Amino acid sequence: MHPTLKKTIVKTFIQLLSDLKTEKQIETFLTDFFTEKEFETYTKRLAVAYWLKKGRDYENIQNNLKVSLKEINEVKKILSSPGLKLALKYLEAEEWANVWSERIKKIVK
């Protein structure tokens, strides 16, 4: 593929993702666009990264997510990449917000 065409296609895909406004729109697109296996692969990859960052051991990740050691090692190699670090930052912020939301609800009651 010509580099200019590739750049245009990537830019278009990224723009599409940024234009999707709701979780439902994003879910509909992703589950229709990716095969079930592709979608599972990518969501598991994110889960592996999250659990590695949280300090879970390989055996725990392997048993719970039903992934191979090879897959875990592949994710570990990219754990410090800027994109994955950004994604994990958002996941951790969401986790923190949920924890504090529950605590506040208990206090208010």
PDB file of N, CA and C in Angstrom:
ATOM      1  N   MET A   1       0.844  -1.171   0.000  1.00  0.00           N
ATOM      2  CA  MET A   1       0.000   0.000   0.000  1.00  0.00           C
ATOM      3  C   MET A   1       0.897   1.246   0.000  1.00  0.00           C
ATOM      4  N   HIS A   2       0.499   2.193  -0.758  1.00  0.00           N
ATOM      5  CA  HIS A   2       1.247   3.444  -0.843  1.00  0.00           C
ATOM      6  C   HIS A   2       1.183   4.160   0.513  1.00  0.00           C
ATOM      7  N   PRO A   3       2.309   4.706   0.987  1.00  0.00           N
ATOM      8  CA  PRO A   3       2.337   5.372   2.304  1.00  0.00           C
ATOM      9  C   PRO A   3       1.306   6.495   2.460  1.00  0.00           C
ATOM     10  N   THR A   4       1.050   7.245   1.412  1.00  0.00           N
ATOM     11  CA  THR A   4       0.058   8.324   1.486  1.00  0.00           C
ATOM     12  C   THR A   4      -1.345   7.755   1.667  1.00  0.00           C
ATOM     13  N   LEU A   5      -1.655   6.703   0.944  1.00  0.00           N
ATOM     14  CA  LEU A   5      -2.953   6.043   1.085  1.00  0.00           C
ATOM     15  C   LEU A   5      -3.099   5.471   2.488  1.00  0.00           C
ATOM     16  N   LYS A   6      -2.043   4.825   2.969  1.00  0.00           N
ATOM     17  CA  LYS A   6      -2.076   4.257   4.310  1.00  0.00           C
ATOM     18  C   LYS A   6      -2.343   5.349   5.347  1.00  0.00           C
ATOM     19  N   LYS A   7      -1.661   6.465   5.232  1.00  0.00           N
ATOM     20  CA  LYS A   7      -1.838   7.576   6.161  1.00  0.00           C
ATOM     21  C   LYS A   7      -3.277   8.085   6.134  1.00  0.00           C
ATOM     22  N   THR A   8      -3.856   8.188   4.952  1.00  0.00           N
ATOM     23  CA  THR A   8      -5.233   8.653   4.803  1.00  0.00           C
ATOM     24  C   THR A   8      -6.217   7.680   5.446  1.00  0.00           C
ATOM     25  N   ILE A   9      -5.999   6.399   5.211  1.00  0.00           N
ATOM     26  CA  ILE A   9      -6.893   5.383   5.772  1.00  0.00           C
ATOM     27  C   ILE A   9      -6.820   5.381   7.300  1.00  0.00           C
ATOM     28  N   VAL A  10      -5.618   5.455   7.840  1.00  0.00           N
ATOM     29  CA  VAL A  10      -5.443   5.478   9.291  1.00  0.00           C
ATOM     30  C   VAL A  10      -6.107   6.719   9.882  1.00  0.00           C
ATOM     31  N   LYS A  11      -5.886   7.858   9.246  1.00  0.00           N
ATOM     32  CA  LYS A  11      -6.480   9.113   9.724  1.00  0.00           C
ATOM     33  C   LYS A  11      -8.006   9.028   9.711  1.00  0.00           C
ATOM     34  N   THR A  12      -8.556   8.442   8.670  1.00  0.00           N
ATOM     35  CA  THR A  12     -10.005   8.280   8.556  1.00  0.00           C
ATOM     36  C   THR A  12     -10.540   7.382   9.673  1.00  0.00           C
ATOM     37  N   PHE A  13      -9.846   6.295   9.936  1.00  0.00           N
ATOM     38  CA  PHE A  13     -10.265   5.367  11.000  1.00  0.00           C
ATOM     39  C   PHE A  13     -10.227   6.057  12.369  1.00  0.00           C
ATOM     40  N   ILE A  14      -9.161   6.782  12.630  1.00  0.00           N
ATOM     41  CA  ILE A  14      -9.035   7.503  13.902  1.00  0.00           C
ATOM     42  C   ILE A  14     -10.124   8.557  14.032  1.00  0.00           C
ATOM     43  N   GLN A  15     -10.405   9.268  12.948  1.00  0.00           N
ATOM     44  CA  GLN A  15     -11.464  10.277  12.976  1.00  0.00           C
ATOM     45  C   GLN A  15     -12.815   9.633  13.264  1.00  0.00           C
ATOM     46  N   LEU A  16     -13.061   8.489  12.643  1.00  0.00           N
ATOM     47  CA  LEU A  16     -14.316   7.777  12.899  1.00  0.00           C
ATOM     48  C   LEU A  16     -14.443   7.435  14.379  1.00  0.00           C
ATOM     49  N   LEU A  17     -13.377   6.903  14.970  1.00  0.00           N
ATOM     50  CA  LEU A  17     -13.429   6.536  16.387  1.00  0.00           C
ATOM     51  C   LEU A  17     -13.699   7.762  17.262  1.00  0.00           C
ATOM     52  N   SER A  18     -13.096   8.882  16.918  1.00  0.00           N
ATOM     53  CA  SER A  18     -13.304  10.082  17.729  1.00  0.00           C
ATOM     54  C   SER A  18     -14.705  10.663  17.533  1.00  0.00           C
ATOM     55  N   ASP A  19     -15.336  10.370  16.407  1.00  0.00           N
ATOM     56  CA  ASP A  19     -16.688  10.868  16.145  1.00  0.00           C
ATOM     57  C   ASP A  19     -17.775  10.067  16.862  1.00  0.00           C
ATOM     58  N   LEU A  20     -17.472   8.849  17.238  1.00  0.00           N
ATOM     59  CA  LEU A  20     -18.460   8.042  17.959  1.00  0.00           C
ATOM     60  C   LEU A  20     -18.636   8.646  19.355  1.00  0.00           C
ATOM     61  N   LYS A  21     -19.863   8.955  19.729  1.00  0.00           N
ATOM     62  CA  LYS A  21     -20.103   9.742  20.934  1.00  0.00           C
ATOM     63  C   LYS A  21     -20.495   8.950  22.178  1.00  0.00           C
ATOM     64  N   THR A  22     -21.149   7.832  21.992  1.00  0.00           N
ATOM     65  CA  THR A  22     -21.644   7.102  23.162  1.00  0.00           C
ATOM     66  C   THR A  22     -21.010   5.719  23.236  1.00  0.00           C
ATOM     67  N   GLU A  23     -21.057   5.141  24.436  1.00  0.00           N
ATOM     68  CA  GLU A  23     -20.556   3.768  24.594  1.00  0.00           C
ATOM     69  C   GLU A  23     -21.290   2.818  23.668  1.00  0.00           C
ATOM     70  N   LYS A  24     -22.590   3.017  23.525  1.00  0.00           N
ATOM     71  CA  LYS A  24     -23.402   2.141  22.678  1.00  0.00           C
ATOM     72  C   LYS A  24     -22.952   2.221  21.222  1.00  0.00           C
ATOM     73  N   GLN A  25     -22.681   3.440  20.729  1.00  0.00           N
ATOM     74  CA  GLN A  25     -22.196   3.590  19.356  1.00  0.00           C
ATOM     75  C   GLN A  25     -20.858   2.896  19.168  1.00  0.00           C
ATOM     76  N   ILE A  26     -19.977   3.079  20.133  1.00  0.00           N
ATOM     77  CA  ILE A  26     -18.650   2.467  20.046  1.00  0.00           C
ATOM     78  C   ILE A  26     -18.768   0.949  20.089  1.00  0.00           C
ATOM     79  N   GLU A  27     -19.561   0.449  21.014  1.00  0.00           N
ATOM     80  CA  GLU A  27     -19.746  -1.002  21.122  1.00  0.00           C
ATOM     81  C   GLU A  27     -20.339  -1.576  19.838  1.00  0.00           C
ATOM     82  N   THR A  28     -21.346  -0.915  19.300  1.00  0.00           N
ATOM     83  CA  THR A  28     -21.977  -1.389  18.066  1.00  0.00           C
ATOM     84  C   THR A  28     -20.964  -1.447  16.928  1.00  0.00           C
ATOM     85  N   PHE A  29     -20.198  -0.385  16.775  1.00  0.00           N
ATOM     86  CA  PHE A  29     -19.198  -0.370  15.714  1.00  0.00           C
ATOM     87  C   PHE A  29     -18.163  -1.478  15.910  1.00  0.00           C
ATOM     88  N   LEU A  30     -17.566  -1.537  17.093  1.00  0.00           N
ATOM     89  CA  LEU A  30     -16.484  -2.493  17.325  1.00  0.00           C
ATOM     90  C   LEU A  30     -16.948  -3.937  17.187  1.00  0.00           C
ATOM     91  N   THR A  31     -18.105  -4.259  17.741  1.00  0.00           N
ATOM     92  CA  THR A  31     -18.566  -5.652  17.670  1.00  0.00           C
ATOM     93  C   THR A  31     -19.017  -6.029  16.265  1.00  0.00           C
ATOM     94  N   ASP A  32     -19.449  -5.048  15.466  1.00  0.00           N
ATOM     95  CA  ASP A  32     -19.803  -5.344  14.076  1.00  0.00           C
ATOM     96  C   ASP A  32     -18.567  -5.358  13.171  1.00  0.00           C
ATOM     97  N   PHE A  33     -17.610  -4.501  13.464  1.00  0.00           N
ATOM     98  CA  PHE A  33     -16.444  -4.344  12.603  1.00  0.00           C
ATOM     99  C   PHE A  33     -15.445  -5.485  12.778  1.00  0.00           C
ATOM    100  N   PHE A  34     -15.162  -5.844  14.022  1.00  0.00           N
ATOM    101  CA  PHE A  34     -14.220  -6.926  14.302  1.00  0.00           C
ATOM    102  C   PHE A  34     -14.966  -8.248  14.383  1.00  0.00           C
ATOM    103  N   THR A  35     -14.270  -9.319  14.008  1.00  0.00           N
ATOM    104  CA  THR A  35     -14.862 -10.632  14.238  1.00  0.00           C
ATOM    105  C   THR A  35     -14.897 -10.848  15.750  1.00  0.00           C
ATOM    106  N   GLU A  36     -15.663 -11.826  16.186  1.00  0.00           N
ATOM    107  CA  GLU A  36     -15.737 -12.120  17.618  1.00  0.00           C
ATOM    108  C   GLU A  36     -14.353 -12.458  18.172  1.00  0.00           C
ATOM    109  N   LYS A  37     -13.576 -13.217  17.411  1.00  0.00           N
ATOM    110  CA  LYS A  37     -12.228 -13.608  17.841  1.00  0.00           C
ATOM    111  C   LYS A  37     -11.297 -12.398  17.911  1.00  0.00           C
ATOM    112  N   GLU A  38     -11.349 -11.520  16.923  1.00  0.00           N
ATOM    113  CA  GLU A  38     -10.513 -10.311  16.941  1.00  0.00           C
ATOM    114  C   GLU A  38     -10.851  -9.441  18.147  1.00  0.00           C
ATOM    115  N   PHE A  39     -12.142  -9.248  18.371  1.00  0.00           N
ATOM    116  CA  PHE A  39     -12.585  -8.416  19.493  1.00  0.00           C
ATOM    117  C   PHE A  39     -12.112  -9.014  20.817  1.00  0.00           C
ATOM    118  N   GLU A  40     -12.239 -10.317  20.955  1.00  0.00           N
ATOM    119  CA  GLU A  40     -11.785 -11.003  22.165  1.00  0.00           C
ATOM    120  C   GLU A  40     -10.270 -10.858  22.332  1.00  0.00           C
ATOM    121  N   THR A  41      -9.546 -10.992  21.258  1.00  0.00           N
ATOM    122  CA  THR A  41      -8.084 -10.864  21.304  1.00  0.00           C
ATOM    123  C   THR A  41      -7.667  -9.494  21.821  1.00  0.00           C
ATOM    124  N   TYR A  42      -8.265  -8.440  21.289  1.00  0.00           N
ATOM    125  CA  TYR A  42      -7.880  -7.082  21.680  1.00  0.00           C
ATOM    126  C   TYR A  42      -8.327  -6.740  23.097  1.00  0.00           C
ATOM    127  N   THR A  43      -9.507  -7.192  23.483  1.00  0.00           N
ATOM    128  CA  THR A  43      -9.943  -6.906  24.849  1.00  0.00           C
ATOM    129  C   THR A  43      -9.108  -7.690  25.864  1.00  0.00           C
ATOM    130  N   LYS A  44      -8.748  -8.910  25.526  1.00  0.00           N
ATOM    131  CA  LYS A  44      -7.878  -9.689  26.413  1.00  0.00           C
ATOM    132  C   LYS A  44      -6.498  -9.047  26.513  1.00  0.00           C
ATOM    133  N   ARG A  45      -5.995  -8.522  25.398  1.00  0.00           N
ATOM    134  CA  ARG A  45      -4.679  -7.870  25.405  1.00  0.00           C
ATOM    135  C   ARG A  45      -4.675  -6.694  26.387  1.00  0.00           C
ATOM    136  N   LEU A  46      -5.738  -5.923  26.387  1.00  0.00           N
ATOM    137  CA  LEU A  46      -5.842  -4.810  27.323  1.00  0.00           C
ATOM    138  C   LEU A  46      -5.943  -5.314  28.765  1.00  0.00           C
ATOM    139  N   ALA A  47      -6.701  -6.376  28.977  1.00  0.00           N
ATOM    140  CA  ALA A  47      -6.829  -6.952  30.316  1.00  0.00           C
ATOM    141  C   ALA A  47      -5.491  -7.487  30.816  1.00  0.00           C
ATOM    142  N   VAL A  48      -4.736  -8.132  29.943  1.00  0.00           N
ATOM    143  CA  VAL A  48      -3.411  -8.635  30.323  1.00  0.00           C
ATOM    144  C   VAL A  48      -2.526  -7.468  30.749  1.00  0.00           C
ATOM    145  N   ALA A  49      -2.518  -6.398  29.975  1.00  0.00           N
ATOM    146  CA  ALA A  49      -1.703  -5.224  30.307  1.00  0.00           C
ATOM    147  C   ALA A  49      -2.115  -4.644  31.656  1.00  0.00           C
ATOM    148  N   TYR A  50      -3.402  -4.527  31.868  1.00  0.00           N
ATOM    149  CA  TYR A  50      -3.923  -3.976  33.119  1.00  0.00           C
ATOM    150  C   TYR A  50      -3.487  -4.829  34.304  1.00  0.00           C
ATOM    151  N   TRP A  51      -3.630  -6.141  34.182  1.00  0.00           N
ATOM    152  CA  TRP A  51      -3.278  -7.035  35.284  1.00  0.00           C
ATOM    153  C   TRP A  51      -1.774  -7.106  35.513  1.00  0.00           C
ATOM    154  N   LEU A  52      -0.995  -7.037  34.440  1.00  0.00           N
ATOM    155  CA  LEU A  52       0.461  -6.985  34.613  1.00  0.00           C
ATOM    156  C   LEU A  52       0.843  -5.732  35.392  1.00  0.00           C
ATOM    157  N   LYS A  53       0.235  -4.615  35.037  1.00  0.00           N
ATOM    158  CA  LYS A  53       0.527  -3.354  35.726  1.00  0.00           C
ATOM    159  C   LYS A  53       0.117  -3.430  37.196  1.00  0.00           C
ATOM    160  N   LYS A  54      -0.933  -4.177  37.485  1.00  0.00           N
ATOM    161  CA  LYS A  54      -1.411  -4.336  38.860  1.00  0.00           C
ATOM    162  C   LYS A  54      -0.579  -5.358  39.642  1.00  0.00           C
ATOM    163  N   GLY A  55       0.360  -6.023  38.956  1.00  0.00           N
ATOM    164  CA  GLY A  55       1.257  -6.942  39.644  1.00  0.00           C
ATOM    165  C   GLY A  55       0.811  -8.388  39.698  1.00  0.00           C
ATOM    166  N   ARG A  56      -0.211  -8.732  38.942  1.00  0.00           N
ATOM    167  CA  ARG A  56      -0.628 -10.138  38.924  1.00  0.00           C
ATOM    168  C   ARG A  56       0.446 -10.982  38.251  1.00  0.00           C
ATOM    169  N   ASP A  57       0.584 -12.221  38.726  1.00  0.00           N
ATOM    170  CA  ASP A  57       1.600 -13.088  38.128  1.00  0.00           C
ATOM    171  C   ASP A  57       1.061 -13.751  36.857  1.00  0.00           C
ATOM    172  N   TYR A  58       1.997 -14.266  36.084  1.00  0.00           N
ATOM    173  CA  TYR A  58       1.653 -14.856  34.790  1.00  0.00           C
ATOM    174  C   TYR A  58       0.635 -15.983  34.920  1.00  0.00           C
ATOM    175  N   GLU A  59       0.824 -16.834  35.914  1.00  0.00           N
ATOM    176  CA  GLU A  59      -0.076 -17.981  36.076  1.00  0.00           C
ATOM    177  C   GLU A  59      -1.507 -17.521  36.348  1.00  0.00           C
ATOM    178  N   ASN A  60      -1.656 -16.501  37.180  1.00  0.00           N
ATOM    179  CA  ASN A  60      -2.982 -15.963  37.484  1.00  0.00           C
ATOM    180  C   ASN A  60      -3.635 -15.414  36.218  1.00  0.00           C
ATOM    181  N   ILE A  61      -2.884 -14.657  35.458  1.00  0.00           N
ATOM    182  CA  ILE A  61      -3.411 -14.075  34.218  1.00  0.00           C
ATOM    183  C   ILE A  61      -3.769 -15.175  33.228  1.00  0.00           C
ATOM    184  N   GLN A  62      -2.874 -16.127  33.090  1.00  0.00           N
ATOM    185  CA  GLN A  62      -3.081 -17.234  32.149  1.00  0.00           C
ATOM    186  C   GLN A  62      -4.349 -18.018  32.503  1.00  0.00           C
ATOM    187  N   ASN A  63      -4.526 -18.322  33.773  1.00  0.00           N
ATOM    188  CA  ASN A  63      -5.687 -19.110  34.197  1.00  0.00           C
ATOM    189  C   ASN A  63      -6.999 -18.343  34.085  1.00  0.00           C
ATOM    190  N   ASN A  64      -6.985 -17.075  34.440  1.00  0.00           N
ATOM    191  CA  ASN A  64      -8.219 -16.291  34.426  1.00  0.00           C
ATOM    192  C   ASN A  64      -8.641 -15.847  33.035  1.00  0.00           C
ATOM    193  N   LEU A  65      -7.691 -15.435  32.222  1.00  0.00           N
ATOM    194  CA  LEU A  65      -8.030 -14.921  30.891  1.00  0.00           C
ATOM    195  C   LEU A  65      -7.924 -15.968  29.789  1.00  0.00           C
ATOM    196  N   LYS A  66      -7.392 -17.130  30.139  1.00  0.00           N
ATOM    197  CA  LYS A  66      -7.215 -18.209  29.151  1.00  0.00           C
ATOM    198  C   LYS A  66      -6.364 -17.720  27.980  1.00  0.00           C
ATOM    199  N   VAL A  67      -5.205 -17.179  28.329  1.00  0.00           N
ATOM    200  CA  VAL A  67      -4.229 -16.730  27.329  1.00  0.00           C
ATOM    201  C   VAL A  67      -2.938 -17.514  27.529  1.00  0.00           C
ATOM    202  N   SER A  68      -2.131 -17.530  26.491  1.00  0.00           N
ATOM    203  CA  SER A  68      -0.866 -18.264  26.563  1.00  0.00           C
ATOM    204  C   SER A  68       0.223 -17.389  27.180  1.00  0.00           C
ATOM    205  N   LEU A  69       1.292 -18.056  27.607  1.00  0.00           N
ATOM    206  CA  LEU A  69       2.449 -17.315  28.115  1.00  0.00           C
ATOM    207  C   LEU A  69       3.040 -16.431  27.021  1.00  0.00           C
ATOM    208  N   LYS A  70       2.981 -16.904  25.798  1.00  0.00           N
ATOM    209  CA  LYS A  70       3.475 -16.116  24.666  1.00  0.00           C
ATOM    210  C   LYS A  70       2.698 -14.806  24.554  1.00  0.00           C
ATOM    211  N   GLU A  71       1.382 -14.883  24.674  1.00  0.00           N
ATOM    212  CA  GLU A  71       0.550 -13.672  24.587  1.00  0.00           C
ATOM    213  C   GLU A  71       0.870 -12.707  25.730  1.00  0.00           C
ATOM    214  N   ILE A  72       1.059 -13.237  26.919  1.00  0.00           N
ATOM    215  CA  ILE A  72       1.401 -12.396  28.064  1.00  0.00           C
ATOM    216  C   ILE A  72       2.744 -11.712  27.833  1.00  0.00           C
ATOM    217  N   ASN A  73       3.719 -12.465  27.344  1.00  0.00           N
ATOM    218  CA  ASN A  73       5.040 -11.899  27.067  1.00  0.00           C
ATOM    219  C   ASN A  73       4.982 -10.828  25.984  1.00  0.00           C
ATOM    220  N   GLU A  74       4.142 -11.025  24.968  1.00  0.00           N
ATOM    221  CA  GLU A  74       3.995 -10.027  23.912  1.00  0.00           C
ATOM    222  C   GLU A  74       3.452  -8.717  24.477  1.00  0.00           C
ATOM    223  N   VAL A  75       2.486  -8.818  25.373  1.00  0.00           N
ATOM    224  CA  VAL A  75       1.925  -7.612  25.988  1.00  0.00           C
ATOM    225  C   VAL A  75       2.957  -6.965  26.900  1.00  0.00           C
ATOM    226  N   LYS A  76       3.693  -7.776  27.637  1.00  0.00           N
ATOM    227  CA  LYS A  76       4.709  -7.230  28.534  1.00  0.00           C
ATOM    228  C   LYS A  76       5.735  -6.394  27.764  1.00  0.00           C
ATOM    229  N   LYS A  77       6.058  -6.813  26.538  1.00  0.00           N
ATOM    230  CA  LYS A  77       7.025  -6.089  25.709  1.00  0.00           C
ATOM    231  C   LYS A  77       6.540  -4.680  25.364  1.00  0.00           C
ATOM    232  N   ILE A  78       5.230  -4.498  25.250  1.00  0.00           N
ATOM    233  CA  ILE A  78       4.695  -3.190  24.855  1.00  0.00           C
ATOM    234  C   ILE A  78       4.096  -2.412  26.024  1.00  0.00           C
ATOM    235  N   LEU A  79       4.275  -2.935  27.228  1.00  0.00           N
ATOM    236  CA  LEU A  79       3.677  -2.319  28.416  1.00  0.00           C
ATOM    237  C   LEU A  79       4.118  -0.873  28.618  1.00  0.00           C
ATOM    238  N   SER A  80       5.327  -0.545  28.208  1.00  0.00           N
ATOM    239  CA  SER A  80       5.805   0.819  28.421  1.00  0.00           C
ATOM    240  C   SER A  80       5.626   1.710  27.190  1.00  0.00           C
ATOM    241  N   SER A  81       4.912   1.222  26.179  1.00  0.00           N
ATOM    242  CA  SER A  81       4.673   2.042  24.988  1.00  0.00           C
ATOM    243  C   SER A  81       3.710   3.178  25.334  1.00  0.00           C
ATOM    244  N   PRO A  82       3.868   4.324  24.691  1.00  0.00           N
ATOM    245  CA  PRO A  82       3.034   5.494  25.030  1.00  0.00           C
ATOM    246  C   PRO A  82       1.534   5.233  24.917  1.00  0.00           C
ATOM    247  N   GLY A  83       1.113   4.530  23.876  1.00  0.00           N
ATOM    248  CA  GLY A  83      -0.313   4.281  23.681  1.00  0.00           C
ATOM    249  C   GLY A  83      -0.910   3.416  24.769  1.00  0.00           C
ATOM    250  N   LEU A  84      -0.200   2.379  25.135  1.00  0.00           N
ATOM    251  CA  LEU A  84      -0.697   1.486  26.181  1.00  0.00           C
ATOM    252  C   LEU A  84      -0.655   2.170  27.540  1.00  0.00           C
ATOM    253  N   LYS A  85       0.377   2.951  27.786  1.00  0.00           N
ATOM    254  CA  LYS A  85       0.445   3.710  29.042  1.00  0.00           C
ATOM    255  C   LYS A  85      -0.742   4.671  29.154  1.00  0.00           C
ATOM    256  N   LEU A  86      -1.098   5.295  28.045  1.00  0.00           N
ATOM    257  CA  LEU A  86      -2.236   6.214  28.029  1.00  0.00           C
ATOM    258  C   LEU A  86      -3.536   5.462  28.332  1.00  0.00           C
ATOM    259  N   ALA A  87      -3.722   4.322  27.686  1.00  0.00           N
ATOM    260  CA  ALA A  87      -4.934   3.529  27.912  1.00  0.00           C
ATOM    261  C   ALA A  87      -5.029   3.088  29.367  1.00  0.00           C
ATOM    262  N   LEU A  88      -3.923   2.623  29.927  1.00  0.00           N
ATOM    263  CA  LEU A  88      -3.925   2.173  31.324  1.00  0.00           C
ATOM    264  C   LEU A  88      -4.179   3.339  32.279  1.00  0.00           C
ATOM    265  N   LYS A  89      -3.687   4.504  31.940  1.00  0.00           N
ATOM    266  CA  LYS A  89      -3.938   5.707  32.754  1.00  0.00           C
ATOM    267  C   LYS A  89      -5.447   5.979  32.815  1.00  0.00           C
ATOM    268  N   TYR A  90      -6.122   5.872  31.671  1.00  0.00           N
ATOM    269  CA  TYR A  90      -7.567   6.081  31.644  1.00  0.00           C
ATOM    270  C   TYR A  90      -8.303   5.004  32.432  1.00  0.00           C
ATOM    271  N   LEU A  91      -7.868   3.762  32.303  1.00  0.00           N
ATOM    272  CA  LEU A  91      -8.505   2.674  33.056  1.00  0.00           C
ATOM    273  C   LEU A  91      -8.349   2.880  34.557  1.00  0.00           C
ATOM    274  N   GLU A  92      -7.163   3.280  34.976  1.00  0.00           N
ATOM    275  CA  GLU A  92      -6.918   3.492  36.400  1.00  0.00           C
ATOM    276  C   GLU A  92      -7.710   4.689  36.926  1.00  0.00           C
ATOM    277  N   ALA A  93      -7.861   5.723  36.110  1.00  0.00           N
ATOM    278  CA  ALA A  93      -8.660   6.884  36.514  1.00  0.00           C
ATOM    279  C   ALA A  93     -10.117   6.486  36.682  1.00  0.00           C
ATOM    280  N   GLU A  94     -10.609   5.670  35.787  1.00  0.00           N
ATOM    281  CA  GLU A  94     -11.990   5.192  35.875  1.00  0.00           C
ATOM    282  C   GLU A  94     -12.178   4.326  37.123  1.00  0.00           C
ATOM    283  N   GLU A  95     -11.210   3.470  37.385  1.00  0.00           N
ATOM    284  CA  GLU A  95     -11.259   2.617  38.572  1.00  0.00           C
ATOM    285  C   GLU A  95     -11.276   3.476  39.844  1.00  0.00           C
ATOM    286  N   TRP A  96     -10.407   4.474  39.895  1.00  0.00           N
ATOM    287  CA  TRP A  96     -10.332   5.372  41.045  1.00  0.00           C
ATOM    288  C   TRP A  96     -11.662   6.110  41.229  1.00  0.00           C
ATOM    289  N   ALA A  97     -12.231   6.596  40.139  1.00  0.00           N
ATOM    290  CA  ALA A  97     -13.503   7.319  40.213  1.00  0.00           C
ATOM    291  C   ALA A  97     -14.618   6.413  40.724  1.00  0.00           C
ATOM    292  N   ASN A  98     -14.639   5.177  40.287  1.00  0.00           N
ATOM    293  CA  ASN A  98     -15.670   4.241  40.743  1.00  0.00           C
ATOM    294  C   ASN A  98     -15.540   3.934  42.226  1.00  0.00           C
ATOM    295  N   VAL A  99     -14.319   3.766  42.691  1.00  0.00           N
ATOM    296  CA  VAL A  99     -14.085   3.485  44.115  1.00  0.00           C
ATOM    297  C   VAL A  99     -14.585   4.654  44.960  1.00  0.00           C
ATOM    298  N   TRP A 100     -14.204   5.854  44.594  1.00  0.00           N
ATOM    299  CA  TRP A 100     -14.608   7.024  45.370  1.00  0.00           C
ATOM    300  C   TRP A 100     -16.097   7.311  45.247  1.00  0.00           C
ATOM    301  N   SER A 101     -16.683   7.016  44.126  1.00  0.00           N
ATOM    302  CA  SER A 101     -18.120   7.181  43.958  1.00  0.00           C
ATOM    303  C   SER A 101     -18.872   6.285  44.941  1.00  0.00           C
ATOM    304  N   GLU A 102     -18.435   5.056  45.073  1.00  0.00           N
ATOM    305  CA  GLU A 102     -19.065   4.130  46.017  1.00  0.00           C
ATOM    306  C   GLU A 102     -18.881   4.591  47.460  1.00  0.00           C
ATOM    307  N   ARG A 103     -17.701   5.076  47.785  1.00  0.00           N
ATOM    308  CA  ARG A 103     -17.440   5.568  49.136  1.00  0.00           C
ATOM    309  C   ARG A 103     -18.324   6.763  49.464  1.00  0.00           C
ATOM    310  N   ILE A 104     -18.473   7.659  48.514  1.00  0.00           N
ATOM    311  CA  ILE A 104     -19.308   8.842  48.736  1.00  0.00           C
ATOM    312  C   ILE A 104     -20.757   8.449  48.910  1.00  0.00           C
ATOM    313  N   LYS A 105     -21.226   7.499  48.124  1.00  0.00           N
ATOM    314  CA  LYS A 105     -22.607   7.020  48.251  1.00  0.00           C
ATOM    315  C   LYS A 105     -22.863   6.476  49.640  1.00  0.00           C
ATOM    316  N   LYS A 106     -21.893   5.746  50.207  1.00  0.00           N
ATOM    317  CA  LYS A 106     -22.048   5.191  51.561  1.00  0.00           C
ATOM    318  C   LYS A 106     -22.093   6.292  52.595  1.00  0.00           C
ATOM    319  N   ILE A 107     -21.289   7.309  52.430  1.00  0.00           N
ATOM    320  CA  ILE A 107     -21.256   8.424  53.389  1.00  0.00           C
ATOM    321  C   ILE A 107     -22.564   9.204  53.347  1.00  0.00           C
ATOM    322  N   VAL A 108     -23.076   9.445  52.160  1.00  0.00           N
ATOM    323  CA  VAL A 108     -24.287  10.249  51.981  1.00  0.00           C
ATOM    324  C   VAL A 108     -25.508   9.537  52.536  1.00  0.00           C
ATOM    325  N   LYS A 109     -25.522   8.225  52.481  1.00  0.00           N
ATOM    326  CA  LYS A 109     -26.671   7.465  52.998  1.00  0.00           C
ATOM    327  C   LYS A 109     -26.720   7.592  54.455  1.00  0.00           C
TER     328      LYS A 109
END
